[in-house]
Amino acid sequence: MKIPSETFTAPARHKNLLKKTMVLLVDDNAAVRKGLCTLLEEEGQSEVVGQARNGREAVKLAHTLQPDVILMDIAMPILNGFEATLQILSANPAAKVLILSAHSDDAYVDRGVAVGALGFLEKQSASEDLAEAVREVAKGSFFFSPAIAKRRASRKN
């Protein structure tokens, strides 16, 4: 028996496999944003839906675009990544922020977690870990670069 195409819908589990993770990139460096876009496009499971050059733009775009994950730099003009994260999560507690920074000492990581970020990715390891980090944070899981995760685990012991 042939099923007319207009009445057939894929099971929900298959729809979820096809949905890409919508990402908002926030970094004041255009070259970094371009590189991150390329990495995410090559990975194929994420789509960059917007880019912001500073924290203030990030807050506006996060509200307008409602991305699945906000990939946030810390050191930016106008409004830094920590303050932007606080404002974004204040307006939308369900937002998922992944910090991406060259500053990865414990004080920065602890502050990122304190303001509500679900993860912290070192720029130095972004090419290896970016896709996994975005997937985990999109699911609501925590993700830390391997070096950060190791330090955090040793602090707990």
N, C-alpha and C. Protein backbone atom coordinates (compact mmCIF):
# COMPACT_ATOMS: atom_id res chain seq x y z
N MET A 1 0.84 -1.18 0.00
CA MET A 1 0.00 0.00 0.00
C MET A 1 0.89 1.24 0.00
N LYS A 2 0.63 2.15 -0.89
CA LYS A 2 1.41 3.38 -0.98
C LYS A 2 0.79 4.44 -0.08
N ILE A 3 1.65 5.10 0.70
CA ILE A 3 1.19 6.17 1.59
C ILE A 3 1.43 7.50 0.90
N PRO A 4 0.38 8.31 0.75
CA PRO A 4 0.60 9.63 0.12
C PRO A 4 1.62 10.42 0.93
N SER A 5 2.54 11.06 0.22
CA SER A 5 3.64 11.75 0.89
C SER A 5 3.16 12.86 1.83
N GLU A 6 2.05 13.51 1.51
CA GLU A 6 1.61 14.60 2.36
C GLU A 6 1.07 14.13 3.71
N THR A 7 0.76 12.82 3.84
CA THR A 7 0.26 12.34 5.13
C THR A 7 1.34 11.63 5.94
N PHE A 8 2.51 11.42 5.36
CA PHE A 8 3.58 10.71 6.05
C PHE A 8 4.46 11.69 6.80
N THR A 9 4.69 11.41 8.08
CA THR A 9 5.63 12.21 8.86
C THR A 9 6.65 11.26 9.47
N ALA A 10 7.88 11.72 9.45
CA ALA A 10 8.96 10.91 10.02
C ALA A 10 8.77 10.81 11.53
N PRO A 11 9.13 9.66 12.11
CA PRO A 11 9.07 9.54 13.57
C PRO A 11 9.93 10.61 14.22
N ALA A 12 9.54 11.02 15.42
CA ALA A 12 10.23 12.11 16.12
C ALA A 12 11.72 11.86 16.28
N ARG A 13 12.12 10.61 16.53
CA ARG A 13 13.55 10.35 16.74
C ARG A 13 14.36 10.64 15.48
N HIS A 14 13.76 10.49 14.31
CA HIS A 14 14.47 10.80 13.07
C HIS A 14 14.52 12.31 12.81
N LYS A 15 13.48 13.01 13.20
CA LYS A 15 13.48 14.47 13.04
C LYS A 15 14.61 15.09 13.85
N ASN A 16 14.82 14.59 15.07
CA ASN A 16 15.87 15.15 15.93
C ASN A 16 17.25 14.93 15.34
N LEU A 17 17.46 13.84 14.63
CA LEU A 17 18.75 13.59 14.02
C LEU A 17 19.05 14.59 12.91
N LEU A 18 18.02 15.09 12.28
CA LEU A 18 18.19 16.00 11.16
C LEU A 18 18.35 17.46 11.60
N LYS A 19 17.90 17.78 12.81
CA LYS A 19 17.95 19.16 13.29
C LYS A 19 19.38 19.55 13.65
N LYS A 20 19.84 20.62 13.07
CA LYS A 20 21.17 21.13 13.40
C LYS A 20 21.10 22.00 14.65
N THR A 21 22.19 22.05 15.37
CA THR A 21 22.30 22.91 16.54
C THR A 21 22.55 24.33 16.06
N MET A 22 21.69 25.25 16.46
CA MET A 22 21.81 26.64 16.07
C MET A 22 22.78 27.34 17.04
N VAL A 23 23.81 27.97 16.48
CA VAL A 23 24.88 28.56 17.29
C VAL A 23 25.00 30.05 17.01
N LEU A 24 25.14 30.82 18.08
CA LEU A 24 25.48 32.24 18.00
C LEU A 24 26.94 32.37 18.40
N LEU A 25 27.77 32.91 17.51
CA LEU A 25 29.19 33.13 17.78
C LEU A 25 29.40 34.54 18.31
N VAL A 26 30.15 34.64 19.41
CA VAL A 26 30.42 35.94 20.00
C VAL A 26 31.92 36.08 20.23
N ASP A 27 32.57 36.90 19.43
CA ASP A 27 34.01 37.16 19.56
C ASP A 27 34.31 38.46 18.84
N ASP A 28 35.17 39.29 19.43
CA ASP A 28 35.48 40.57 18.81
C ASP A 28 36.46 40.44 17.65
N ASN A 29 37.05 39.27 17.46
CA ASN A 29 38.03 39.06 16.39
C ASN A 29 37.34 38.39 15.19
N ALA A 30 37.28 39.11 14.08
CA ALA A 30 36.60 38.60 12.87
C ALA A 30 37.25 37.32 12.36
N ALA A 31 38.58 37.22 12.44
CA ALA A 31 39.27 36.02 11.96
C ALA A 31 38.90 34.80 12.82
N VAL A 32 38.77 35.00 14.10
CA VAL A 32 38.37 33.90 14.99
C VAL A 32 36.95 33.47 14.66
N ARG A 33 36.03 34.43 14.47
CA ARG A 33 34.65 34.08 14.11
C ARG A 33 34.62 33.30 12.80
N LYS A 34 35.41 33.74 11.82
CA LYS A 34 35.43 33.05 10.53
C LYS A 34 35.94 31.62 10.70
N GLY A 35 37.01 31.45 11.47
CA GLY A 35 37.55 30.11 11.71
C GLY A 35 36.57 29.20 12.42
N LEU A 36 35.87 29.75 13.41
CA LEU A 36 34.87 28.96 14.12
C LEU A 36 33.71 28.56 13.21
N CYS A 37 33.29 29.49 12.36
CA CYS A 37 32.24 29.17 11.38
C CYS A 37 32.67 28.01 10.49
N THR A 38 33.89 28.08 10.01
CA THR A 38 34.41 27.02 9.14
C THR A 38 34.42 25.68 9.88
N LEU A 39 34.92 25.66 11.10
CA LEU A 39 34.96 24.42 11.88
C LEU A 39 33.56 23.85 12.07
N LEU A 40 32.61 24.70 12.41
CA LEU A 40 31.25 24.22 12.65
C LEU A 40 30.57 23.75 11.37
N GLU A 41 30.81 24.45 10.26
CA GLU A 41 30.23 24.04 8.98
C GLU A 41 30.79 22.70 8.53
N GLU A 42 32.11 22.51 8.69
CA GLU A 42 32.74 21.25 8.30
C GLU A 42 32.22 20.09 9.13
N GLU A 43 31.92 20.34 10.38
CA GLU A 43 31.41 19.30 11.28
C GLU A 43 30.02 18.87 10.84
N GLY A 44 29.23 19.80 10.34
CA GLY A 44 27.95 19.47 9.72
C GLY A 44 26.74 19.34 10.64
N GLN A 45 26.92 19.36 11.94
CA GLN A 45 25.77 19.21 12.85
C GLN A 45 25.33 20.52 13.48
N SER A 46 26.06 21.58 13.17
CA SER A 46 25.74 22.90 13.73
C SER A 46 25.57 23.91 12.60
N GLU A 47 24.78 24.93 12.90
CA GLU A 47 24.60 26.02 11.94
C GLU A 47 24.78 27.34 12.68
N VAL A 48 25.66 28.18 12.18
CA VAL A 48 25.86 29.50 12.78
C VAL A 48 24.72 30.39 12.30
N VAL A 49 23.89 30.84 13.25
CA VAL A 49 22.73 31.65 12.90
C VAL A 49 22.97 33.14 13.13
N GLY A 50 24.08 33.46 13.80
CA GLY A 50 24.39 34.86 14.04
C GLY A 50 25.79 35.02 14.60
N GLN A 51 26.30 36.24 14.46
CA GLN A 51 27.63 36.57 14.97
C GLN A 51 27.57 37.94 15.64
N ALA A 52 28.24 38.02 16.79
CA ALA A 52 28.30 39.29 17.51
C ALA A 52 29.75 39.65 17.77
N ARG A 53 30.04 40.95 17.74
CA ARG A 53 31.41 41.45 17.93
C ARG A 53 31.68 41.88 19.36
N ASN A 54 30.64 41.97 20.17
CA ASN A 54 30.81 42.38 21.56
C ASN A 54 29.64 41.86 22.38
N GLY A 55 29.75 42.01 23.68
CA GLY A 55 28.72 41.49 24.57
C GLY A 55 27.35 42.11 24.38
N ARG A 56 27.32 43.39 24.11
CA ARG A 56 26.02 44.06 23.91
C ARG A 56 25.29 43.48 22.70
N GLU A 57 26.02 43.30 21.59
CA GLU A 57 25.41 42.66 20.42
C GLU A 57 24.96 41.24 20.75
N ALA A 58 25.74 40.53 21.55
CA ALA A 58 25.41 39.16 21.92
C ALA A 58 24.08 39.10 22.66
N VAL A 59 23.88 40.01 23.60
CA VAL A 59 22.63 40.03 24.37
C VAL A 59 21.44 40.25 23.43
N LYS A 60 21.56 41.20 22.52
CA LYS A 60 20.47 41.48 21.57
C LYS A 60 20.20 40.29 20.66
N LEU A 61 21.27 39.73 20.08
CA LEU A 61 21.09 38.60 19.16
C LEU A 61 20.59 37.35 19.86
N ALA A 62 21.04 37.12 21.08
CA ALA A 62 20.56 35.94 21.82
C ALA A 62 19.05 36.04 22.03
N HIS A 63 18.58 37.24 22.34
CA HIS A 63 17.15 37.45 22.54
C HIS A 63 16.37 37.26 21.22
N THR A 64 16.89 37.82 20.15
CA THR A 64 16.21 37.77 18.86
C THR A 64 16.26 36.38 18.22
N LEU A 65 17.43 35.75 18.22
CA LEU A 65 17.63 34.50 17.49
C LEU A 65 17.30 33.24 18.29
N GLN A 66 17.36 33.32 19.62
CA GLN A 66 17.12 32.16 20.48
C GLN A 66 17.92 30.93 20.03
N PRO A 67 19.25 31.06 19.93
CA PRO A 67 20.06 29.94 19.47
C PRO A 67 20.09 28.81 20.50
N ASP A 68 20.48 27.61 20.04
CA ASP A 68 20.61 26.48 20.95
C ASP A 68 21.83 26.66 21.86
N VAL A 69 22.92 27.20 21.30
CA VAL A 69 24.16 27.40 22.04
C VAL A 69 24.74 28.76 21.69
N ILE A 70 25.25 29.45 22.71
CA ILE A 70 25.94 30.72 22.50
C ILE A 70 27.40 30.48 22.83
N LEU A 71 28.25 30.60 21.83
CA LEU A 71 29.69 30.41 21.99
C LEU A 71 30.29 31.77 22.28
N MET A 72 30.71 31.99 23.55
CA MET A 72 30.99 33.32 24.07
C MET A 72 32.46 33.51 24.42
N ASP A 73 33.08 34.53 23.83
CA ASP A 73 34.41 34.96 24.25
C ASP A 73 34.26 35.76 25.55
N ILE A 74 35.36 35.92 26.27
CA ILE A 74 35.30 36.70 27.52
C ILE A 74 35.74 38.14 27.29
N ALA A 75 36.95 38.31 26.79
CA ALA A 75 37.55 39.64 26.67
C ALA A 75 37.08 40.32 25.39
N MET A 76 36.08 41.21 25.57
CA MET A 76 35.51 41.93 24.43
C MET A 76 35.22 43.37 24.83
N PRO A 77 35.15 44.25 23.84
CA PRO A 77 34.80 45.64 24.14
C PRO A 77 33.30 45.78 24.45
N ILE A 78 32.97 46.90 25.01
CA ILE A 78 31.60 47.32 25.33
C ILE A 78 30.99 46.52 26.48
N LEU A 79 30.96 45.19 26.39
CA LEU A 79 30.41 44.36 27.45
C LEU A 79 31.15 43.02 27.39
N ASN A 80 31.82 42.64 28.46
CA ASN A 80 32.60 41.40 28.41
C ASN A 80 31.70 40.17 28.42
N GLY A 81 32.27 39.03 28.16
CA GLY A 81 31.51 37.79 28.04
C GLY A 81 30.81 37.35 29.31
N PHE A 82 31.43 37.61 30.46
CA PHE A 82 30.79 37.25 31.73
C PHE A 82 29.53 38.07 31.95
N GLU A 83 29.64 39.38 31.75
CA GLU A 83 28.48 40.26 31.93
C GLU A 83 27.39 39.95 30.91
N ALA A 84 27.80 39.69 29.67
CA ALA A 84 26.82 39.34 28.63
C ALA A 84 26.09 38.05 29.00
N THR A 85 26.84 37.07 29.50
CA THR A 85 26.24 35.79 29.91
C THR A 85 25.22 36.02 31.02
N LEU A 86 25.57 36.83 32.00
CA LEU A 86 24.63 37.14 33.08
C LEU A 86 23.34 37.76 32.54
N GLN A 87 23.47 38.71 31.63
CA GLN A 87 22.29 39.37 31.07
C GLN A 87 21.45 38.41 30.23
N ILE A 88 22.12 37.59 29.43
CA ILE A 88 21.40 36.62 28.58
C ILE A 88 20.63 35.64 29.45
N LEU A 89 21.29 35.08 30.46
CA LEU A 89 20.63 34.09 31.31
C LEU A 89 19.57 34.72 32.22
N SER A 90 19.72 35.98 32.55
CA SER A 90 18.69 36.68 33.32
C SER A 90 17.41 36.79 32.50
N ALA A 91 17.55 37.09 31.22
CA ALA A 91 16.39 37.22 30.34
C ALA A 91 15.84 35.86 29.90
N ASN A 92 16.73 34.87 29.78
CA ASN A 92 16.33 33.54 29.31
C ASN A 92 17.14 32.48 30.05
N PRO A 93 16.65 32.02 31.20
CA PRO A 93 17.40 31.05 31.99
C PRO A 93 17.67 29.73 31.28
N ALA A 94 16.94 29.44 30.22
CA ALA A 94 17.14 28.19 29.47
C ALA A 94 18.27 28.30 28.44
N ALA A 95 18.80 29.50 28.23
CA ALA A 95 19.89 29.67 27.25
C ALA A 95 21.10 28.85 27.70
N LYS A 96 21.87 28.40 26.72
CA LYS A 96 23.04 27.57 26.99
C LYS A 96 24.29 28.27 26.46
N VAL A 97 25.17 28.63 27.37
CA VAL A 97 26.38 29.38 27.02
C VAL A 97 27.60 28.50 27.20
N LEU A 98 28.45 28.54 26.18
CA LEU A 98 29.74 27.85 26.19
C LEU A 98 30.81 28.93 26.04
N ILE A 99 31.64 29.10 27.07
CA ILE A 99 32.71 30.09 27.02
C ILE A 99 33.85 29.55 26.17
N LEU A 100 34.38 30.39 25.30
CA LEU A 100 35.55 30.06 24.48
C LEU A 100 36.55 31.18 24.69
N SER A 101 37.69 30.84 25.31
CA SER A 101 38.62 31.91 25.66
C SER A 101 40.06 31.45 25.67
N ALA A 102 40.95 32.40 25.43
CA ALA A 102 42.39 32.14 25.59
C ALA A 102 42.75 32.19 27.07
N HIS A 103 41.91 32.81 27.88
CA HIS A 103 42.11 32.90 29.33
C HIS A 103 41.45 31.68 29.96
N SER A 104 42.26 30.73 30.43
CA SER A 104 41.65 29.50 30.94
C SER A 104 42.16 29.11 32.33
N ASP A 105 42.70 30.08 33.07
CA ASP A 105 43.13 29.71 34.43
C ASP A 105 41.89 29.49 35.30
N ASP A 106 42.10 28.90 36.45
CA ASP A 106 40.98 28.48 37.30
C ASP A 106 40.04 29.62 37.66
N ALA A 107 40.57 30.80 37.88
CA ALA A 107 39.71 31.93 38.26
C ALA A 107 38.72 32.26 37.13
N TYR A 108 39.17 32.23 35.90
CA TYR A 108 38.27 32.49 34.76
C TYR A 108 37.23 31.38 34.62
N VAL A 109 37.67 30.14 34.73
CA VAL A 109 36.75 29.01 34.60
C VAL A 109 35.71 29.06 35.72
N ASP A 110 36.15 29.29 36.94
CA ASP A 110 35.22 29.37 38.07
C ASP A 110 34.21 30.50 37.88
N ARG A 111 34.68 31.63 37.38
CA ARG A 111 33.75 32.76 37.14
C ARG A 111 32.76 32.41 36.03
N GLY A 112 33.23 31.72 34.98
CA GLY A 112 32.33 31.30 33.91
C GLY A 112 31.21 30.40 34.43
N VAL A 113 31.57 29.44 35.27
CA VAL A 113 30.58 28.55 35.87
C VAL A 113 29.66 29.34 36.79
N ALA A 114 30.22 30.27 37.56
CA ALA A 114 29.43 31.06 38.50
C ALA A 114 28.37 31.92 37.80
N VAL A 115 28.68 32.41 36.60
CA VAL A 115 27.70 33.24 35.89
C VAL A 115 26.70 32.40 35.10
N GLY A 116 26.92 31.07 35.07
CA GLY A 116 25.92 30.19 34.46
C GLY A 116 26.32 29.49 33.18
N ALA A 117 27.56 29.65 32.74
CA ALA A 117 27.99 28.94 31.52
C ALA A 117 28.03 27.44 31.80
N LEU A 118 27.66 26.65 30.80
CA LEU A 118 27.68 25.20 30.94
C LEU A 118 29.02 24.60 30.54
N GLY A 119 29.88 25.40 29.95
CA GLY A 119 31.16 24.86 29.55
C GLY A 119 32.19 25.93 29.36
N PHE A 120 33.44 25.46 29.25
CA PHE A 120 34.56 26.37 29.06
C PHE A 120 35.55 25.67 28.14
N LEU A 121 35.77 26.26 26.99
CA LEU A 121 36.64 25.68 25.97
C LEU A 121 37.82 26.61 25.74
N GLU A 122 39.03 26.05 25.80
CA GLU A 122 40.22 26.84 25.52
C GLU A 122 40.33 27.07 24.02
N LYS A 123 40.64 28.29 23.62
CA LYS A 123 40.80 28.57 22.20
C LYS A 123 41.89 27.69 21.58
N GLN A 124 42.91 27.37 22.39
CA GLN A 124 44.02 26.57 21.89
C GLN A 124 43.57 25.16 21.49
N SER A 125 42.51 24.64 22.10
CA SER A 125 42.06 23.29 21.79
C SER A 125 40.73 23.28 21.04
N ALA A 126 40.28 24.44 20.62
CA ALA A 126 38.95 24.54 20.01
C ALA A 126 38.79 23.66 18.78
N SER A 127 39.81 23.57 17.95
CA SER A 127 39.66 22.79 16.72
C SER A 127 39.39 21.32 17.01
N GLU A 128 39.97 20.78 18.09
CA GLU A 128 39.76 19.37 18.41
C GLU A 128 38.45 19.13 19.16
N ASP A 129 38.03 20.09 19.98
CA ASP A 129 36.93 19.84 20.91
C ASP A 129 35.64 20.61 20.62
N LEU A 130 35.66 21.51 19.65
CA LEU A 130 34.51 22.40 19.44
C LEU A 130 33.21 21.66 19.17
N ALA A 131 33.22 20.73 18.23
CA ALA A 131 31.98 20.04 17.86
C ALA A 131 31.38 19.28 19.05
N GLU A 132 32.24 18.57 19.78
CA GLU A 132 31.75 17.82 20.95
C GLU A 132 31.24 18.77 22.02
N ALA A 133 31.95 19.87 22.24
CA ALA A 133 31.54 20.85 23.25
C ALA A 133 30.16 21.43 22.92
N VAL A 134 29.95 21.80 21.68
CA VAL A 134 28.66 22.37 21.26
C VAL A 134 27.55 21.32 21.44
N ARG A 135 27.80 20.09 21.04
CA ARG A 135 26.78 19.02 21.19
C ARG A 135 26.42 18.81 22.66
N GLU A 136 27.44 18.74 23.53
CA GLU A 136 27.18 18.48 24.95
C GLU A 136 26.42 19.64 25.60
N VAL A 137 26.85 20.84 25.33
CA VAL A 137 26.19 22.00 25.92
C VAL A 137 24.76 22.13 25.38
N ALA A 138 24.54 21.83 24.11
CA ALA A 138 23.19 21.88 23.55
C ALA A 138 22.26 20.91 24.27
N LYS A 139 22.80 19.80 24.75
CA LYS A 139 22.01 18.82 25.50
C LYS A 139 21.80 19.24 26.95
N GLY A 140 22.47 20.31 27.37
CA GLY A 140 22.37 20.75 28.75
C GLY A 140 23.43 20.16 29.66
N SER A 141 24.43 19.49 29.06
CA SER A 141 25.52 18.90 29.84
C SER A 141 26.67 19.89 29.96
N PHE A 142 27.48 19.71 30.99
CA PHE A 142 28.68 20.51 31.15
C PHE A 142 29.77 19.97 30.23
N PHE A 143 30.63 20.87 29.73
CA PHE A 143 31.79 20.45 28.94
C PHE A 143 32.94 21.40 29.24
N PHE A 144 34.09 20.80 29.53
CA PHE A 144 35.31 21.57 29.74
C PHE A 144 36.41 20.98 28.88
N SER A 145 37.28 21.85 28.34
CA SER A 145 38.44 21.36 27.61
C SER A 145 39.15 20.33 28.47
N PRO A 146 39.80 19.34 27.85
CA PRO A 146 40.45 18.28 28.63
C PRO A 146 41.39 18.79 29.72
N ALA A 147 42.21 19.78 29.44
CA ALA A 147 43.14 20.30 30.45
C ALA A 147 42.39 20.93 31.62
N ILE A 148 41.30 21.62 31.33
CA ILE A 148 40.49 22.25 32.39
C ILE A 148 39.79 21.16 33.20
N ALA A 149 39.22 20.18 32.52
CA ALA A 149 38.53 19.10 33.21
C ALA A 149 39.48 18.37 34.16
N LYS A 150 40.70 18.15 33.72
CA LYS A 150 41.70 17.47 34.54
C LYS A 150 42.02 18.31 35.79
N ARG A 151 42.22 19.60 35.60
CA ARG A 151 42.49 20.48 36.75
C ARG A 151 41.32 20.50 37.74
N ARG A 152 40.11 20.57 37.21
CA ARG A 152 38.94 20.62 38.07
C ARG A 152 38.78 19.33 38.86
N ALA A 153 39.05 18.20 38.20
CA ALA A 153 38.95 16.91 38.88
C ALA A 153 40.00 16.80 39.99
N SER A 154 41.20 17.27 39.76
CA SER A 154 42.26 17.17 40.76
C SER A 154 41.98 18.11 41.94
N ARG A 155 41.27 19.22 41.71
CA ARG A 155 40.92 20.14 42.79
C ARG A 155 39.88 19.53 43.72
N LYS A 156 39.03 18.65 43.17
CA LYS A 156 37.97 18.03 43.97
C LYS A 156 38.52 16.93 44.87
N ASN A 157 39.67 16.37 44.50
CA ASN A 157 40.26 15.27 45.29
C ASN A 157 41.06 15.76 46.45
